[in-house]
Amino acid sequence: MIAVQSLALGLRGHPQCAPGWQLSNLYLRRHFARVEAWCDEPGEIWLRDLGVTFDQWHRLPAIPEAMAAVWSFGKIATAAAQSGPFLHVDGDVFWRQPPPADVPFLVQHAEMEKPAWAWWDRVGFAPIARPERPISYNFGIFGGTAWAPIADACRAALDCLQAHRALVAGVRCGCLPMLAEQVWVPALMAREGVTPTCLLRHDHLQEDAARLGYFHAMSGKKDPEMLARIERRWAQERANGGSSEFPRKVTAKVGVRSKAGSTRRQT
């Protein structure tokens, strides 16, 4: 299995966390024989300037301007292009332990608090009929040995977005990028009889994140305090010469979206 990371910087519209990408990539290279990048041109330039190391660079297909608000488009396109077992890891995910082996479809965790069914109905289009109770899964990591159905599901999600491109710009809710990635793809996989395995249990996020040495910054990386912690962590790793030992004072954390919409961090 290879690790892949993607960056469509031209669509994201906000600054990236440079030390975060460097640290995330460093941990991946400890546990995977190959780490590959899928980027648009601005994303590749930005990562190369940072000195982030990949075994192979791939250019993402041109992302339609109509999809500018769908920040997950490049990530879904990356998964759709895979031709073997893979694990996509976001640039703000820091995982200091090796991933589990031979998992058909691995995701971060189920986000039971998110109203996936309401998102589905609000958007008004989808690649398949809505399941009775769709679930949103956090895709901080996703992939597995069932790479072919994963790629097929991602292509179906992209085809649906493209077919409704005239409607995409008119969707007045920020849920569409998450719906396409975190709800449609698992629903399409379930139709093929493949259900996700969650790395973290949704009701034991703190316990599991600590046990697995797993940290997903999510929107917390915009928080100056968290950004400073990531920068210190990267500086410590550099000072340790890339040692596999994690600084003792750093605890594993995973961001959790509260009902009010803010991000609280569990330690």
Protein backbone atom coordinates (compact mmCIF):
# COMPACT_ATOMS: atom_id res chain seq x y z
CA MET A 1 0.00 0.00 0.00
CA ILE A 2 1.18 3.50 -0.81
CA ALA A 3 0.37 6.78 0.94
CA VAL A 4 -0.95 9.65 -1.14
CA GLN A 5 -1.41 13.30 -0.32
CA SER A 6 -3.15 15.87 -2.49
CA LEU A 7 -3.24 19.63 -2.74
CA ALA A 8 -5.35 21.68 -5.12
CA LEU A 9 -4.12 25.00 -3.84
CA GLY A 10 -5.82 26.94 -6.61
CA LEU A 11 -9.22 25.99 -5.18
CA ARG A 12 -8.61 26.27 -1.48
CA GLY A 13 -8.47 30.01 -1.10
CA HIS A 14 -6.70 30.09 2.28
CA PRO A 15 -3.07 29.74 3.41
CA GLN A 16 -1.75 26.26 4.14
CA CYS A 17 0.03 25.24 7.34
CA ALA A 18 3.60 24.77 6.12
CA PRO A 19 5.06 23.00 9.21
CA GLY A 20 1.98 20.80 9.26
CA TRP A 21 2.59 19.50 5.74
CA GLN A 22 6.26 18.92 6.55
CA LEU A 23 5.47 17.03 9.75
CA SER A 24 2.64 14.99 8.24
CA ASN A 25 4.84 13.93 5.33
CA LEU A 26 7.74 13.05 7.66
CA TYR A 27 5.58 10.58 9.61
CA LEU A 28 4.23 8.99 6.44
CA ARG A 29 7.72 8.36 5.11
CA ARG A 30 8.53 6.38 8.26
CA HIS A 31 5.73 3.89 7.67
CA PHE A 32 5.20 3.68 3.91
CA ALA A 33 7.64 2.50 1.25
CA ARG A 34 6.15 5.07 -1.17
CA VAL A 35 4.52 8.43 -0.59
CA GLU A 36 3.10 10.12 -3.68
CA ALA A 37 1.66 13.58 -4.32
CA TRP A 38 -1.26 14.64 -6.50
CA CYS A 39 -1.36 18.40 -6.99
CA ASP A 40 -2.43 21.17 -9.27
CA GLU A 41 0.40 23.42 -10.46
CA PRO A 42 0.18 25.99 -7.60
CA GLY A 43 0.02 23.18 -5.04
CA GLU A 44 3.08 21.41 -6.46
CA ILE A 45 5.10 24.64 -6.56
CA TRP A 46 4.16 25.41 -2.96
CA LEU A 47 5.09 21.94 -1.66
CA ARG A 48 8.34 21.78 -3.64
CA ASP A 49 9.33 25.19 -2.26
CA LEU A 50 8.77 23.78 1.24
CA GLY A 51 11.07 20.87 0.47
CA VAL A 52 8.36 18.28 1.18
CA THR A 53 9.56 14.90 -0.12
CA PHE A 54 7.53 12.59 -2.38
CA ASP A 55 8.55 9.53 -4.34
CA GLN A 56 6.44 10.63 -7.29
CA TRP A 57 4.57 13.78 -8.28
CA HIS A 58 1.33 13.58 -10.26
CA ARG A 59 -0.55 16.48 -11.80
CA LEU A 60 -4.24 16.61 -11.03
CA PRO A 61 -6.51 17.03 -14.04
CA ALA A 62 -7.73 20.57 -14.59
CA ILE A 63 -10.37 21.32 -11.96
CA PRO A 64 -13.36 23.16 -13.44
CA GLU A 65 -13.86 26.72 -12.27
CA ALA A 66 -17.45 25.79 -11.41
CA MET A 67 -16.03 23.51 -8.68
CA ALA A 68 -14.10 26.28 -6.92
CA ALA A 69 -16.33 26.01 -3.85
CA VAL A 70 -16.01 22.22 -3.71
CA TRP A 71 -12.71 22.05 -1.82
CA SER A 72 -12.86 18.24 -1.71
CA PHE A 73 -12.90 17.95 -5.53
CA GLY A 74 -9.12 17.48 -5.90
CA LYS A 75 -9.02 14.93 -3.07
CA ILE A 76 -11.83 12.89 -4.61
CA ALA A 77 -10.12 13.11 -8.01
CA THR A 78 -6.90 11.83 -6.45
CA ALA A 79 -8.64 8.74 -5.05
CA ALA A 80 -10.43 8.18 -8.37
CA ALA A 81 -7.05 8.04 -10.15
CA GLN A 82 -5.50 5.31 -7.97
CA SER A 83 -4.58 1.96 -9.52
CA GLY A 84 -3.64 -0.04 -6.43
CA PRO A 85 -4.06 -0.15 -2.64
CA PHE A 86 -3.61 3.33 -1.18
CA LEU A 87 -4.25 5.48 1.85
CA HIS A 88 -4.96 9.17 1.32
CA VAL A 89 -3.74 11.26 4.25
CA ASP A 90 -4.58 14.93 4.68
CA GLY A 91 -1.73 17.38 5.12
CA ASP A 92 -2.95 18.23 8.62
CA VAL A 93 -2.98 14.62 9.85
CA PHE A 94 -0.06 13.51 12.01
CA TRP A 95 0.14 9.77 12.65
CA ARG A 96 3.21 8.47 14.37
CA GLN A 97 2.30 4.76 14.27
CA PRO A 98 2.06 2.44 11.25
CA PRO A 99 -1.43 2.00 9.78
CA PRO A 100 -3.35 -1.27 10.14
CA ALA A 101 -2.73 -3.74 7.34
CA ASP A 102 -5.19 -5.29 4.89
CA VAL A 103 -8.21 -3.09 5.65
CA PRO A 104 -10.55 -2.92 2.64
CA PHE A 105 -11.92 0.58 3.36
CA LEU A 106 -10.37 2.60 6.19
CA VAL A 107 -11.65 6.03 7.31
CA GLN A 108 -10.93 8.22 10.34
CA HIS A 109 -14.23 8.06 12.23
CA ALA A 110 -18.00 8.29 11.90
CA GLU A 111 -19.36 11.76 12.58
CA MET A 112 -22.66 10.68 14.06
CA GLU A 113 -23.52 14.22 15.13
CA LYS A 114 -23.61 15.54 11.56
CA PRO A 115 -27.02 15.62 9.81
CA ALA A 116 -25.91 13.84 6.64
CA TRP A 117 -29.50 13.12 5.61
CA ALA A 118 -30.37 16.83 5.81
CA TRP A 119 -27.32 17.74 3.70
CA TRP A 120 -28.36 15.19 1.09
CA ASP A 121 -31.90 16.56 0.85
CA ARG A 122 -30.79 20.20 0.92
CA VAL A 123 -28.40 19.88 -2.02
CA GLY A 124 -31.06 18.27 -4.18
CA PHE A 125 -28.91 16.03 -6.39
CA ALA A 126 -26.82 12.93 -5.80
CA PRO A 127 -25.27 9.98 -7.67
CA ILE A 128 -27.71 7.51 -6.08
CA ALA A 129 -30.97 7.57 -4.16
CA ARG A 130 -30.54 8.60 -0.54
CA PRO A 131 -30.17 5.74 1.94
CA GLU A 132 -32.60 5.84 4.84
CA ARG A 133 -29.93 6.99 7.26
CA PRO A 134 -26.71 8.12 5.52
CA ILE A 135 -23.66 8.67 7.74
CA SER A 136 -20.85 11.17 7.36
CA TYR A 137 -17.35 9.74 7.85
CA ASN A 138 -14.37 11.97 8.47
CA PHE A 139 -11.91 11.40 5.63
CA GLY A 140 -8.77 12.75 7.33
CA ILE A 141 -7.53 9.37 6.17
CA PHE A 142 -9.28 7.12 3.71
CA GLY A 143 -8.43 4.29 1.35
CA GLY A 144 -7.53 0.64 1.65
CA THR A 145 -7.08 -2.58 -0.21
CA ALA A 146 -10.51 -2.27 -1.90
CA TRP A 147 -8.99 0.43 -4.08
CA ALA A 148 -11.02 -0.39 -7.21
CA PRO A 149 -14.50 0.14 -5.71
CA ILE A 150 -13.18 3.18 -3.82
CA ALA A 151 -11.92 4.67 -7.10
CA ASP A 152 -15.22 3.79 -8.82
CA ALA A 153 -17.22 5.47 -6.03
CA CYS A 154 -15.07 8.59 -6.26
CA ARG A 155 -15.51 8.72 -10.04
CA ALA A 156 -19.28 8.45 -9.59
CA ALA A 157 -19.20 11.36 -7.13
CA LEU A 158 -17.13 13.46 -9.55
CA ASP A 159 -19.43 12.59 -12.47
CA CYS A 160 -22.43 13.69 -10.42
CA LEU A 161 -20.81 17.03 -9.57
CA GLN A 162 -19.85 17.58 -13.20
CA ALA A 163 -23.32 16.67 -14.46
CA HIS A 164 -24.84 19.24 -12.09
CA ARG A 165 -22.14 21.89 -12.44
CA ALA A 166 -24.75 24.52 -13.26
CA LEU A 167 -26.35 23.86 -9.87
CA VAL A 168 -23.14 23.57 -7.84
CA ALA A 169 -22.51 27.32 -7.74
CA GLY A 170 -26.07 27.88 -6.60
CA VAL A 171 -25.91 25.54 -3.62
CA ARG A 172 -26.22 27.92 -0.68
CA CYS A 173 -24.74 25.70 1.98
CA GLY A 174 -21.21 24.79 2.89
CA CYS A 175 -22.07 21.11 3.22
CA LEU A 176 -21.59 20.13 -0.45
CA PRO A 177 -17.80 19.44 -0.27
CA MET A 178 -18.32 17.23 2.80
CA LEU A 179 -21.42 15.59 1.34
CA ALA A 180 -19.64 14.60 -1.88
CA GLU A 181 -16.60 13.22 -0.07
CA GLN A 182 -17.75 11.96 3.30
CA VAL A 183 -21.32 10.85 2.59
CA TRP A 184 -21.72 10.01 -1.11
CA VAL A 185 -18.55 7.92 -1.37
CA PRO A 186 -19.35 5.69 1.65
CA ALA A 187 -22.95 5.34 0.44
CA LEU A 188 -21.74 4.27 -3.00
CA MET A 189 -19.35 1.80 -1.37
CA ALA A 190 -22.13 0.38 0.80
CA ARG A 191 -24.16 -0.29 -2.33
CA GLU A 192 -21.28 -2.55 -3.43
CA GLY A 193 -21.27 -4.31 -0.07
CA VAL A 194 -18.14 -2.57 1.31
CA THR A 195 -18.56 -0.76 4.62
CA PRO A 196 -15.92 1.49 6.22
CA THR A 197 -13.66 0.47 9.08
CA CYS A 198 -13.15 3.42 11.41
CA LEU A 199 -9.68 4.04 12.83
CA LEU A 200 -11.25 5.89 15.77
CA ARG A 201 -14.50 4.98 17.48
CA HIS A 202 -16.82 7.97 17.44
CA ASP A 203 -17.59 7.59 21.14
CA HIS A 204 -13.94 6.97 22.14
CA LEU A 205 -12.10 9.56 20.05
CA GLN A 206 -9.80 10.77 22.84
CA GLU A 207 -8.86 7.27 23.98
CA ASP A 208 -8.24 5.91 20.49
CA ALA A 209 -6.33 8.96 19.25
CA ALA A 210 -3.99 8.76 22.24
CA ARG A 211 -3.47 5.01 21.83
CA LEU A 212 -2.70 5.33 18.12
CA GLY A 213 -0.65 8.52 18.28
CA TYR A 214 -3.09 10.19 15.90
CA PHE A 215 -3.76 13.91 15.51
CA HIS A 216 -5.99 15.63 12.93
CA ALA A 217 -5.89 19.41 13.22
CA MET A 218 -8.88 20.10 10.93
CA SER A 219 -10.11 23.68 11.32
CA GLY A 220 -8.01 23.96 14.48
CA LYS A 221 -4.96 24.68 12.33
CA LYS A 222 -6.34 28.21 11.93
CA ASP A 223 -6.05 28.66 15.69
CA PRO A 224 -2.78 30.54 16.47
CA GLU A 225 -2.21 28.41 19.58
CA MET A 226 -2.53 25.14 17.69
CA LEU A 227 -0.44 26.45 14.81
CA ALA A 228 2.30 27.36 17.28
CA ARG A 229 2.17 23.85 18.75
CA ILE A 230 2.50 22.30 15.31
CA GLU A 231 5.45 24.57 14.53
CA ARG A 232 7.15 23.62 17.81
CA ARG A 233 6.55 19.95 17.11
CA TRP A 234 8.12 20.26 13.66
CA ALA A 235 11.09 22.14 15.12
CA GLN A 236 11.57 19.39 17.71
CA GLU A 237 11.51 16.71 15.04
CA ARG A 238 14.09 18.60 12.99
CA ALA A 239 16.27 19.04 16.06
CA ASN A 240 15.99 15.30 16.74
CA GLY A 241 17.17 14.54 13.25
CA GLY A 242 13.87 12.94 12.30
CA SER A 243 13.91 10.63 15.31
CA SER A 244 10.94 8.29 15.53
CA GLU A 245 10.53 9.25 19.18
CA PHE A 246 7.69 11.69 19.73
CA PRO A 247 8.32 14.58 22.15
CA ARG A 248 7.02 13.46 25.54
CA LYS A 249 5.23 16.72 26.30
CA VAL A 250 3.10 16.47 23.18
CA THR A 251 -0.16 14.60 23.59
CA ALA A 252 -2.20 13.05 20.82
CA LYS A 253 -5.32 15.00 19.96
CA VAL A 254 -8.15 14.92 17.49
CA GLY A 255 -10.43 17.85 16.74
CA VAL A 256 -14.11 17.24 17.30
CA ARG A 257 -16.84 19.44 15.86
CA SER A 258 -19.25 20.56 18.54
CA LYS A 259 -22.97 21.01 18.00
CA ALA A 260 -22.47 24.76 17.95
CA GLY A 261 -20.07 24.40 15.03
CA SER A 262 -16.86 25.31 16.85
CA THR A 263 -13.94 22.92 17.17
CA ARG A 264 -13.00 21.58 20.56
CA ARG A 265 -9.78 19.66 20.97
CA GLN A 266 -9.58 16.51 23.00
CA THR A 267 -6.31 15.73 24.72
